[in-house]
PDB file of N, CA and C in Angstrom:
ATOM      1  N   MET A   1     -36.141   3.137  23.133  1.00  0.00           N
ATOM      2  CA  MET A   1     -34.307   3.407  23.095  1.00  0.00           C
ATOM      3  C   MET A   1     -34.070   4.081  20.999  1.00  0.00           C
ATOM      4  N   GLY A   2     -34.093   4.894  20.765  1.00  0.00           N
ATOM      5  CA  GLY A   2     -33.534   5.488  19.642  1.00  0.00           C
ATOM      6  C   GLY A   2     -33.386   4.759  18.907  1.00  0.00           C
ATOM      7  N   ALA A   3     -33.917   3.010  18.423  1.00  0.00           N
ATOM      8  CA  ALA A   3     -33.924   2.822  17.286  1.00  0.00           C
ATOM      9  C   ALA A   3     -35.545   2.685  16.733  1.00  0.00           C
ATOM     10  N   ALA A   4     -35.395   2.225  15.581  1.00  0.00           N
ATOM     11  CA  ALA A   4     -36.234   2.651  14.801  1.00  0.00           C
ATOM     12  C   ALA A   4     -36.548   0.906  13.791  1.00  0.00           C
ATOM     13  N   VAL A   5     -37.604   0.261  13.882  1.00  0.00           N
ATOM     14  CA  VAL A   5     -37.921  -0.890  13.589  1.00  0.00           C
ATOM     15  C   VAL A   5     -38.208  -0.578  11.534  1.00  0.00           C
ATOM     16  N   ALA A   6     -37.188  -1.293  11.295  1.00  0.00           N
ATOM     17  CA  ALA A   6     -37.208  -1.325   9.614  1.00  0.00           C
ATOM     18  C   ALA A   6     -38.007  -2.069   8.947  1.00  0.00           C
ATOM     19  N   ALA A   7     -37.736  -3.423   9.552  1.00  0.00           N
ATOM     20  CA  ALA A   7     -38.676  -4.708   8.580  1.00  0.00           C
ATOM     21  C   ALA A   7     -38.761  -5.865   9.853  1.00  0.00           C
ATOM     22  N   VAL A   8     -39.629  -6.368   9.576  1.00  0.00           N
ATOM     23  CA  VAL A   8     -39.641  -8.114  10.343  1.00  0.00           C
ATOM     24  C   VAL A   8     -40.089  -9.229   9.406  1.00  0.00           C
ATOM     25  N   VAL A   9     -39.561  -9.721   9.310  1.00  0.00           N
ATOM     26  CA  VAL A   9     -39.026 -11.154   8.757  1.00  0.00           C
ATOM     27  C   VAL A   9     -40.461 -11.855   9.426  1.00  0.00           C
ATOM     28  N   ASP A  10     -41.048 -13.017   8.933  1.00  0.00           N
ATOM     29  CA  ASP A  10     -41.835 -13.722   9.607  1.00  0.00           C
ATOM     30  C   ASP A  10     -41.726 -14.968   8.957  1.00  0.00           C
ATOM     31  N   HIS A  11     -40.430 -15.908   9.247  1.00  0.00           N
ATOM     32  CA  HIS A  11     -39.921 -16.280   8.563  1.00  0.00           C
ATOM     33  C   HIS A  11     -41.593 -17.828   8.365  1.00  0.00           C
ATOM     34  N   ALA A  12     -41.750 -18.428   9.504  1.00  0.00           N
ATOM     35  CA  ALA A  12     -43.054 -19.628   9.584  1.00  0.00           C
ATOM     36  C   ALA A  12     -43.680 -18.863   8.661  1.00  0.00           C
ATOM     37  N   ALA A  13     -44.146 -17.478   8.816  1.00  0.00           N
ATOM     38  CA  ALA A  13     -45.305 -17.158   7.650  1.00  0.00           C
ATOM     39  C   ALA A  13     -44.701 -18.287   6.579  1.00  0.00           C
ATOM     40  N   ALA A  14     -43.993 -17.123   5.602  1.00  0.00           N
ATOM     41  CA  ALA A  14     -43.024 -17.919   4.448  1.00  0.00           C
ATOM     42  C   ALA A  14     -43.251 -19.313   4.276  1.00  0.00           C
ATOM     43  N   ALA A  15     -42.999 -19.659   5.416  1.00  0.00           N
ATOM     44  CA  ALA A  15     -43.091 -21.377   5.668  1.00  0.00           C
ATOM     45  C   ALA A  15     -44.175 -22.100   4.807  1.00  0.00           C
ATOM     46  N   ARG A  16     -45.480 -21.526   6.170  1.00  0.00           N
ATOM     47  CA  ARG A  16     -46.372 -22.202   5.386  1.00  0.00           C
ATOM     48  C   ARG A  16     -47.465 -21.613   4.526  1.00  0.00           C
ATOM     49  N   LYS A  17     -47.070 -20.435   3.266  1.00  0.00           N
ATOM     50  CA  LYS A  17     -46.985 -19.857   2.234  1.00  0.00           C
ATOM     51  C   LYS A  17     -46.478 -20.745   1.172  1.00  0.00           C
ATOM     52  N   ALA A  18     -45.262 -21.841   1.794  1.00  0.00           N
ATOM     53  CA  ALA A  18     -45.049 -22.540   0.759  1.00  0.00           C
ATOM     54  C   ALA A  18     -45.418 -24.529   0.847  1.00  0.00           C
ATOM     55  N   GLY A  19     -46.357 -24.166   1.968  1.00  0.00           N
ATOM     56  CA  GLY A  19     -46.357 -25.133   3.175  1.00  0.00           C
ATOM     57  C   GLY A  19     -46.005 -26.224   3.056  1.00  0.00           C
ATOM     58  N   LEU A  20     -45.172 -25.957   4.259  1.00  0.00           N
ATOM     59  CA  LEU A  20     -43.948 -25.438   5.264  1.00  0.00           C
ATOM     60  C   LEU A  20     -44.375 -25.739   6.565  1.00  0.00           C
ATOM     61  N   SER A  21     -44.646 -26.053   7.433  1.00  0.00           N
ATOM     62  CA  SER A  21     -43.834 -25.959   8.705  1.00  0.00           C
ATOM     63  C   SER A  21     -42.282 -25.425   9.279  1.00  0.00           C
ATOM     64  N   MET A  22     -42.820 -24.590  10.495  1.00  0.00           N
ATOM     65  CA  MET A  22     -41.304 -24.566  11.435  1.00  0.00           C
ATOM     66  C   MET A  22     -42.497 -23.901  12.802  1.00  0.00           C
ATOM     67  N   PRO A  23     -41.992 -23.628  13.855  1.00  0.00           N
ATOM     68  CA  PRO A  23     -42.226 -22.860  14.218  1.00  0.00           C
ATOM     69  C   PRO A  23     -42.094 -21.536  14.613  1.00  0.00           C
ATOM     70  N   ASP A  24     -42.611 -20.350  15.166  1.00  0.00           N
ATOM     71  CA  ASP A  24     -42.455 -19.371  15.544  1.00  0.00           C
ATOM     72  C   ASP A  24     -41.858 -18.647  14.751  1.00  0.00           C
ATOM     73  N   THR A  25     -40.956 -18.046  13.670  1.00  0.00           N
ATOM     74  CA  THR A  25     -39.836 -17.105  13.720  1.00  0.00           C
ATOM     75  C   THR A  25     -39.753 -16.097  12.986  1.00  0.00           C
ATOM     76  N   GLN A  26     -39.884 -15.044  13.611  1.00  0.00           N
ATOM     77  CA  GLN A  26     -39.511 -13.745  13.260  1.00  0.00           C
ATOM     78  C   GLN A  26     -38.385 -13.297  13.350  1.00  0.00           C
ATOM     79  N   VAL A  27     -37.436 -12.620  12.730  1.00  0.00           N
ATOM     80  CA  VAL A  27     -36.035 -11.489  12.669  1.00  0.00           C
ATOM     81  C   VAL A  27     -36.795 -10.250  12.534  1.00  0.00           C
ATOM     82  N   ILE A  28     -36.383  -9.353  13.484  1.00  0.00           N
ATOM     83  CA  ILE A  28     -36.295  -7.873  13.386  1.00  0.00           C
ATOM     84  C   ILE A  28     -35.445  -6.698  13.271  1.00  0.00           C
ATOM     85  N   ILE A  29     -35.636  -6.490  12.228  1.00  0.00           N
ATOM     86  CA  ILE A  29     -34.639  -5.214  11.742  1.00  0.00           C
ATOM     87  C   ILE A  29     -34.737  -4.438  12.302  1.00  0.00           C
ATOM     88  N   PHE A  30     -34.141  -3.298  13.135  1.00  0.00           N
ATOM     89  CA  PHE A  30     -34.385  -2.162  13.412  1.00  0.00           C
ATOM     90  C   PHE A  30     -32.574  -1.507  13.565  1.00  0.00           C
ATOM     91  N   GLY A  31     -32.892  -0.361  13.486  1.00  0.00           N
ATOM     92  CA  GLY A  31     -31.136   0.566  12.746  1.00  0.00           C
ATOM     93  C   GLY A  31     -31.808   1.648  13.942  1.00  0.00           C
ATOM     94  N   ASN A  32     -30.061   2.259  14.190  1.00  0.00           N
ATOM     95  CA  ASN A  32     -30.661   4.265  13.852  1.00  0.00           C
ATOM     96  C   ASN A  32     -29.302   5.109  14.020  1.00  0.00           C
ATOM     97  N   PRO A  33     -29.779   5.554  12.456  1.00  0.00           N
ATOM     98  CA  PRO A  33     -28.946   6.095  11.351  1.00  0.00           C
ATOM     99  C   PRO A  33     -27.633   6.492  12.307  1.00  0.00           C
ATOM    100  N   GLN A  34     -27.667   7.694  13.622  1.00  0.00           N
ATOM    101  CA  GLN A  34     -27.649   8.657  14.133  1.00  0.00           C
ATOM    102  C   GLN A  34     -25.868   7.661  15.569  1.00  0.00           C
ATOM    103  N   ALA A  35     -26.248   6.058  15.238  1.00  0.00           N
ATOM    104  CA  ALA A  35     -25.812   5.198  16.101  1.00  0.00           C
ATOM    105  C   ALA A  35     -24.383   4.563  15.189  1.00  0.00           C
ATOM    106  N   GLY A  36     -25.073   3.881  13.547  1.00  0.00           N
ATOM    107  CA  GLY A  36     -25.314   2.626  12.753  1.00  0.00           C
ATOM    108  C   GLY A  36     -24.042   3.692  11.683  1.00  0.00           C
ATOM    109  N   THR A  37     -24.327   5.084  10.972  1.00  0.00           N
ATOM    110  CA  THR A  37     -23.425   5.911   9.988  1.00  0.00           C
ATOM    111  C   THR A  37     -22.230   6.181  10.748  1.00  0.00           C
ATOM    112  N   PRO A  38     -22.253   6.215  11.903  1.00  0.00           N
ATOM    113  CA  PRO A  38     -20.226   6.336  11.664  1.00  0.00           C
ATOM    114  C   PRO A  38     -19.453   5.213  12.208  1.00  0.00           C
ATOM    115  N   LEU A  39     -20.465   4.125  12.424  1.00  0.00           N
ATOM    116  CA  LEU A  39     -19.469   2.839  12.928  1.00  0.00           C
ATOM    117  C   LEU A  39     -19.360   2.483  11.168  1.00  0.00           C
ATOM    118  N   MET A  40     -20.353   2.942   9.754  1.00  0.00           N
ATOM    119  CA  MET A  40     -20.258   2.663   8.051  1.00  0.00           C
ATOM    120  C   MET A  40     -19.314   3.642   7.370  1.00  0.00           C
ATOM    121  N   GLN A  41     -18.809   4.722   8.055  1.00  0.00           N
ATOM    122  CA  GLN A  41     -18.360   5.609   8.138  1.00  0.00           C
ATOM    123  C   GLN A  41     -16.706   5.094   8.125  1.00  0.00           C
ATOM    124  N   ALA A  42     -16.971   4.498   9.335  1.00  0.00           N
ATOM    125  CA  ALA A  42     -15.286   4.068   9.987  1.00  0.00           C
ATOM    126  C   ALA A  42     -14.451   2.662   9.647  1.00  0.00           C
ATOM    127  N   HIS A  43     -16.007   1.155   9.087  1.00  0.00           N
ATOM    128  CA  HIS A  43     -15.902   0.519   8.231  1.00  0.00           C
ATOM    129  C   HIS A  43     -16.958  -0.022   7.296  1.00  0.00           C
ATOM    130  N   PRO A  44     -16.627   0.226   6.130  1.00  0.00           N
ATOM    131  CA  PRO A  44     -18.035   0.051   5.546  1.00  0.00           C
ATOM    132  C   PRO A  44     -18.316  -1.429   5.074  1.00  0.00           C
ATOM    133  N   GLU A  45     -17.413  -1.582   5.602  1.00  0.00           N
ATOM    134  CA  GLU A  45     -17.944  -3.736   5.263  1.00  0.00           C
ATOM    135  C   GLU A  45     -19.010  -3.646   6.591  1.00  0.00           C
ATOM    136  N   ILE A  46     -18.892  -3.280   7.075  1.00  0.00           N
ATOM    137  CA  ILE A  46     -20.049  -3.594   7.989  1.00  0.00           C
ATOM    138  C   ILE A  46     -21.352  -2.894   8.192  1.00  0.00           C
ATOM    139  N   ALA A  47     -21.939  -2.403   6.554  1.00  0.00           N
ATOM    140  CA  ALA A  47     -23.179  -2.054   6.128  1.00  0.00           C
ATOM    141  C   ALA A  47     -23.622  -3.565   6.011  1.00  0.00           C
ATOM    142  N   ILE A  48     -22.702  -4.860   5.824  1.00  0.00           N
ATOM    143  CA  ILE A  48     -23.630  -5.935   5.517  1.00  0.00           C
ATOM    144  C   ILE A  48     -24.180  -6.814   6.958  1.00  0.00           C
ATOM    145  N   ASP A  49     -23.710  -5.877   8.426  1.00  0.00           N
ATOM    146  CA  ASP A  49     -24.510  -6.799   9.421  1.00  0.00           C
ATOM    147  C   ASP A  49     -25.155  -5.539   9.717  1.00  0.00           C
ATOM    148  N   LEU A  50     -25.983  -4.555   9.676  1.00  0.00           N
ATOM    149  CA  LEU A  50     -26.205  -3.424   9.899  1.00  0.00           C
ATOM    150  C   LEU A  50     -27.673  -3.231   8.376  1.00  0.00           C
ATOM    151  N   PRO A  51     -28.730  -2.337   8.811  1.00  0.00           N
ATOM    152  CA  PRO A  51     -29.037  -2.536  10.734  1.00  0.00           C
ATOM    153  C   PRO A  51     -29.191  -3.604  11.358  1.00  0.00           C
ATOM    154  N   MET A  52     -29.478  -3.922  12.849  1.00  0.00           N
ATOM    155  CA  MET A  52     -29.198  -4.684  13.268  1.00  0.00           C
ATOM    156  C   MET A  52     -30.171  -5.440  13.902  1.00  0.00           C
ATOM    157  N   ARG A  53     -30.248  -7.153  14.623  1.00  0.00           N
ATOM    158  CA  ARG A  53     -31.598  -7.563  14.038  1.00  0.00           C
ATOM    159  C   ARG A  53     -31.589  -8.677  15.614  1.00  0.00           C
ATOM    160  N   LEU A  54     -32.865  -9.455  15.752  1.00  0.00           N
ATOM    161  CA  LEU A  54     -33.072  -9.854  16.697  1.00  0.00           C
ATOM    162  C   LEU A  54     -33.775 -10.889  16.361  1.00  0.00           C
ATOM    163  N   MET A  55     -33.187 -12.119  16.469  1.00  0.00           N
ATOM    164  CA  MET A  55     -34.488 -13.402  16.153  1.00  0.00           C
ATOM    165  C   MET A  55     -35.230 -13.499  17.376  1.00  0.00           C
ATOM    166  N   VAL A  56     -36.588 -13.650  16.887  1.00  0.00           N
ATOM    167  CA  VAL A  56     -37.237 -14.084  18.179  1.00  0.00           C
ATOM    168  C   VAL A  56     -38.227 -15.662  17.378  1.00  0.00           C
ATOM    169  N   ARG A  57     -38.406 -17.071  18.841  1.00  0.00           N
ATOM    170  CA  ARG A  57     -38.383 -17.850  18.132  1.00  0.00           C
ATOM    171  C   ARG A  57     -39.038 -18.778  19.116  1.00  0.00           C
ATOM    172  N   ASP A  58     -40.363 -19.435  19.081  1.00  0.00           N
ATOM    173  CA  ASP A  58     -40.995 -20.348  19.832  1.00  0.00           C
ATOM    174  C   ASP A  58     -39.986 -21.586  20.404  1.00  0.00           C
ATOM    175  N   ASP A  59     -39.413 -21.861  20.631  1.00  0.00           N
ATOM    176  CA  ASP A  59     -38.678 -23.025  20.662  1.00  0.00           C
ATOM    177  C   ASP A  59     -39.260 -23.874  21.130  1.00  0.00           C
ATOM    178  N   GLY A  60     -40.046 -24.278  22.089  1.00  0.00           N
ATOM    179  CA  GLY A  60     -41.333 -24.748  22.763  1.00  0.00           C
ATOM    180  C   GLY A  60     -41.528 -24.683  23.994  1.00  0.00           C
ATOM    181  N   GLN A  61     -40.366 -23.924  24.434  1.00  0.00           N
ATOM    182  CA  GLN A  61     -40.950 -24.120  26.023  1.00  0.00           C
ATOM    183  C   GLN A  61     -42.264 -22.378  26.466  1.00  0.00           C
ATOM    184  N   PRO A  62     -42.105 -22.258  27.441  1.00  0.00           N
ATOM    185  CA  PRO A  62     -42.561 -20.903  27.721  1.00  0.00           C
ATOM    186  C   PRO A  62     -41.851 -19.681  27.919  1.00  0.00           C
ATOM    187  N   GLY A  63     -42.948 -18.783  26.224  1.00  0.00           N
ATOM    188  CA  GLY A  63     -42.476 -17.226  25.925  1.00  0.00           C
ATOM    189  C   GLY A  63     -41.444 -17.858  25.129  1.00  0.00           C
ATOM    190  N   SER A  64     -40.262 -17.710  24.323  1.00  0.00           N
ATOM    191  CA  SER A  64     -40.172 -17.035  23.173  1.00  0.00           C
ATOM    192  C   SER A  64     -38.125 -16.633  23.994  1.00  0.00           C
ATOM    193  N   LEU A  65     -37.698 -17.280  22.741  1.00  0.00           N
ATOM    194  CA  LEU A  65     -36.460 -17.834  22.508  1.00  0.00           C
ATOM    195  C   LEU A  65     -36.132 -16.008  21.871  1.00  0.00           C
ATOM    196  N   VAL A  66     -34.779 -15.105  22.062  1.00  0.00           N
ATOM    197  CA  VAL A  66     -34.838 -13.714  21.632  1.00  0.00           C
ATOM    198  C   VAL A  66     -32.976 -14.151  21.698  1.00  0.00           C
ATOM    199  N   THR A  67     -32.652 -14.424  19.918  1.00  0.00           N
ATOM    200  CA  THR A  67     -31.009 -14.420  19.767  1.00  0.00           C
ATOM    201  C   THR A  67     -30.808 -13.351  18.888  1.00  0.00           C
ATOM    202  N   TRP A  68     -29.108 -12.270  18.927  1.00  0.00           N
ATOM    203  CA  TRP A  68     -28.817 -11.572  18.469  1.00  0.00           C
ATOM    204  C   TRP A  68     -27.400 -12.072  18.345  1.00  0.00           C
ATOM    205  N   GLN A  69     -26.609 -11.236  16.975  1.00  0.00           N
ATOM    206  CA  GLN A  69     -25.194 -11.345  17.089  1.00  0.00           C
ATOM    207  C   GLN A  69     -24.725 -10.543  18.133  1.00  0.00           C
ATOM    208  N   ASP A  70     -23.737 -12.088  18.188  1.00  0.00           N
ATOM    209  CA  ASP A  70     -22.703 -10.730  19.358  1.00  0.00           C
ATOM    210  C   ASP A  70     -21.533 -10.247  19.307  1.00  0.00           C
ATOM    211  N   PRO A  71     -21.733  -8.892  19.760  1.00  0.00           N
ATOM    212  CA  PRO A  71     -20.985  -7.873  19.747  1.00  0.00           C
ATOM    213  C   PRO A  71     -19.556  -7.983  19.381  1.00  0.00           C
ATOM    214  N   ALA A  72     -19.163  -9.118  20.867  1.00  0.00           N
ATOM    215  CA  ALA A  72     -17.427  -9.257  20.147  1.00  0.00           C
ATOM    216  C   ALA A  72     -17.376  -9.447  19.140  1.00  0.00           C
ATOM    217  N   TYR A  73     -18.034 -10.586  18.202  1.00  0.00           N
ATOM    218  CA  TYR A  73     -17.729 -11.104  16.708  1.00  0.00           C
ATOM    219  C   TYR A  73     -17.552  -9.988  15.765  1.00  0.00           C
ATOM    220  N   LEU A  74     -18.903  -8.828  16.300  1.00  0.00           N
ATOM    221  CA  LEU A  74     -18.664  -7.944  15.144  1.00  0.00           C
ATOM    222  C   LEU A  74     -17.955  -7.033  15.738  1.00  0.00           C
ATOM    223  N   ALA A  75     -17.337  -6.928  16.415  1.00  0.00           N
ATOM    224  CA  ALA A  75     -15.775  -6.331  16.931  1.00  0.00           C
ATOM    225  C   ALA A  75     -14.474  -7.029  15.903  1.00  0.00           C
ATOM    226  N   GLN A  76     -14.591  -8.227  16.359  1.00  0.00           N
ATOM    227  CA  GLN A  76     -13.448  -8.638  15.799  1.00  0.00           C
ATOM    228  C   GLN A  76     -13.354  -8.804  14.424  1.00  0.00           C
ATOM    229  N   ARG A  77     -14.537  -9.299  13.673  1.00  0.00           N
ATOM    230  CA  ARG A  77     -14.991  -9.183  12.579  1.00  0.00           C
ATOM    231  C   ARG A  77     -14.011  -7.770  11.271  1.00  0.00           C
ATOM    232  N   TYR A  78     -14.773  -6.503  12.538  1.00  0.00           N
ATOM    233  CA  TYR A  78     -14.520  -5.283  11.453  1.00  0.00           C
ATOM    234  C   TYR A  78     -13.117  -4.538  12.533  1.00  0.00           C
ATOM    235  N   GLY A  79     -12.261  -5.837  13.410  1.00  0.00           N
ATOM    236  CA  GLY A  79     -11.367  -4.351  13.882  1.00  0.00           C
ATOM    237  C   GLY A  79     -11.502  -3.324  14.637  1.00  0.00           C
ATOM    238  N   LEU A  80     -13.418  -3.737  15.563  1.00  0.00           N
ATOM    239  CA  LEU A  80     -13.904  -2.141  15.511  1.00  0.00           C
ATOM    240  C   LEU A  80     -13.117  -2.061  17.202  1.00  0.00           C
ATOM    241  N   GLY A  81     -12.884  -0.648  17.978  1.00  0.00           N
ATOM    242  CA  GLY A  81     -12.373  -0.373  18.460  1.00  0.00           C
ATOM    243  C   GLY A  81     -13.200  -0.326  19.800  1.00  0.00           C
ATOM    244  N   GLU A  82     -13.022  -0.332  21.185  1.00  0.00           N
ATOM    245  CA  GLU A  82     -13.722  -0.298  22.139  1.00  0.00           C
ATOM    246  C   GLU A  82     -14.448   0.845  22.049  1.00  0.00           C
ATOM    247  N   ASP A  83     -14.220   1.930  21.784  1.00  0.00           N
ATOM    248  CA  ASP A  83     -15.102   3.447  21.765  1.00  0.00           C
ATOM    249  C   ASP A  83     -16.265   3.157  20.728  1.00  0.00           C
ATOM    250  N   GLN A  84     -16.219   2.126  19.579  1.00  0.00           N
ATOM    251  CA  GLN A  84     -17.137   1.845  18.800  1.00  0.00           C
ATOM    252  C   GLN A  84     -18.211   0.895  19.115  1.00  0.00           C
ATOM    253  N   LEU A  85     -17.946   0.306  20.312  1.00  0.00           N
ATOM    254  CA  LEU A  85     -19.212  -0.931  20.571  1.00  0.00           C
ATOM    255  C   LEU A  85     -20.156  -0.892  21.389  1.00  0.00           C
ATOM    256  N   ALA A  86     -20.860   0.799  21.592  1.00  0.00           N
ATOM    257  CA  ALA A  86     -21.405   0.747  22.356  1.00  0.00           C
ATOM    258  C   ALA A  86     -22.744   0.144  21.309  1.00  0.00           C
ATOM    259  N   PRO A  87     -22.859   1.047  19.811  1.00  0.00           N
ATOM    260  CA  PRO A  87     -23.738   0.744  19.333  1.00  0.00           C
ATOM    261  C   PRO A  87     -24.759  -0.434  18.733  1.00  0.00           C
ATOM    262  N   LEU A  88     -23.385  -1.235  18.940  1.00  0.00           N
ATOM    263  CA  LEU A  88     -23.913  -2.696  19.118  1.00  0.00           C
ATOM    264  C   LEU A  88     -24.014  -3.937  19.786  1.00  0.00           C
ATOM    265  N   ASN A  89     -24.572  -3.038  21.024  1.00  0.00           N
ATOM    266  CA  ASN A  89     -24.889  -3.238  22.390  1.00  0.00           C
ATOM    267  C   ASN A  89     -26.456  -3.183  22.705  1.00  0.00           C
ATOM    268  N   ALA A  90     -26.812  -2.713  21.799  1.00  0.00           N
ATOM    269  CA  ALA A  90     -28.852  -1.936  20.852  1.00  0.00           C
ATOM    270  C   ALA A  90     -29.289  -3.443  21.745  1.00  0.00           C
ATOM    271  N   PRO A  91     -29.143  -4.388  21.048  1.00  0.00           N
ATOM    272  CA  PRO A  91     -30.243  -6.004  21.258  1.00  0.00           C
ATOM    273  C   PRO A  91     -29.881  -5.846  22.219  1.00  0.00           C
ATOM    274  N   ALA A  92     -29.152  -6.407  23.335  1.00  0.00           N
ATOM    275  CA  ALA A  92     -28.411  -6.770  24.755  1.00  0.00           C
ATOM    276  C   ALA A  92     -29.912  -5.668  25.257  1.00  0.00           C
ATOM    277  N   LYS A  93     -29.443  -5.244  25.031  1.00  0.00           N
ATOM    278  CA  LYS A  93     -30.704  -3.821  25.754  1.00  0.00           C
ATOM    279  C   LYS A  93     -31.708  -3.958  25.669  1.00  0.00           C
ATOM    280  N   ILE A  94     -32.507  -4.214  23.920  1.00  0.00           N
ATOM    281  CA  ILE A  94     -33.876  -4.149  24.127  1.00  0.00           C
ATOM    282  C   ILE A  94     -33.997  -5.231  24.524  1.00  0.00           C
ATOM    283  N   ALA A  95     -33.663  -6.195  23.946  1.00  0.00           N
ATOM    284  CA  ALA A  95     -34.050  -7.418  24.778  1.00  0.00           C
ATOM    285  C   ALA A  95     -34.455  -7.424  27.401  1.00  0.00           C
ATOM    286  N   SER A  96     -33.074  -6.560  27.072  1.00  0.00           N
ATOM    287  CA  SER A  96     -33.708  -7.016  28.553  1.00  0.00           C
ATOM    288  C   SER A  96     -34.876  -6.270  28.714  1.00  0.00           C
ATOM    289  N   ALA A  97     -34.826  -4.739  28.371  1.00  0.00           N
ATOM    290  CA  ALA A  97     -35.927  -4.026  28.637  1.00  0.00           C
ATOM    291  C   ALA A  97     -37.180  -5.094  28.152  1.00  0.00           C
ATOM    292  N   LEU A  98     -37.133  -5.582  27.199  1.00  0.00           N
ATOM    293  CA  LEU A  98     -38.883  -6.714  26.457  1.00  0.00           C
ATOM    294  C   LEU A  98     -38.917  -7.612  27.643  1.00  0.00           C
ATOM    295  N   ASP A  99     -37.514  -7.925  28.594  1.00  0.00           N
ATOM    296  CA  ASP A  99     -37.533  -9.440  29.932  1.00  0.00           C
ATOM    297  C   ASP A  99     -38.072  -8.720  30.865  1.00  0.00           C
ATOM    298  N   GLY A 100     -37.938  -6.910  30.857  1.00  0.00           N
ATOM    299  CA  GLY A 100     -38.363  -6.868  31.792  1.00  0.00           C
ATOM    300  C   GLY A 100     -37.084  -6.257  33.215  1.00  0.00           C
ATOM    301  N   ARG A 101     -36.225  -6.789  32.868  1.00  0.00           N
ATOM    302  CA  ARG A 101     -34.967  -7.006  33.414  1.00  0.00           C
ATOM    303  C   ARG A 101     -34.215  -5.302  33.581  1.00  0.00           C
TER     304      ARG A 101
END
């Protein structure tokens, strides 16, 4: 889908190393400079929320729970126009592709 994984943060593994436990929880950090750079050029402060992230966690039910930042929230937070929203929809598209929809 044009995005590259920059990092995976495994919170559960870090908890285990600290002698703690939590459900499996990972944050996948990914981005596409061709999509994100124009947003950061127009709104430099959005860099705190880029690259994009998906959280995948075990919620005790079959499968995994996948969550991400609401694009509408980011648009409001940074005053983005409708023409700038497409890159912020990447997490939903990726989650849908993973879910087989």
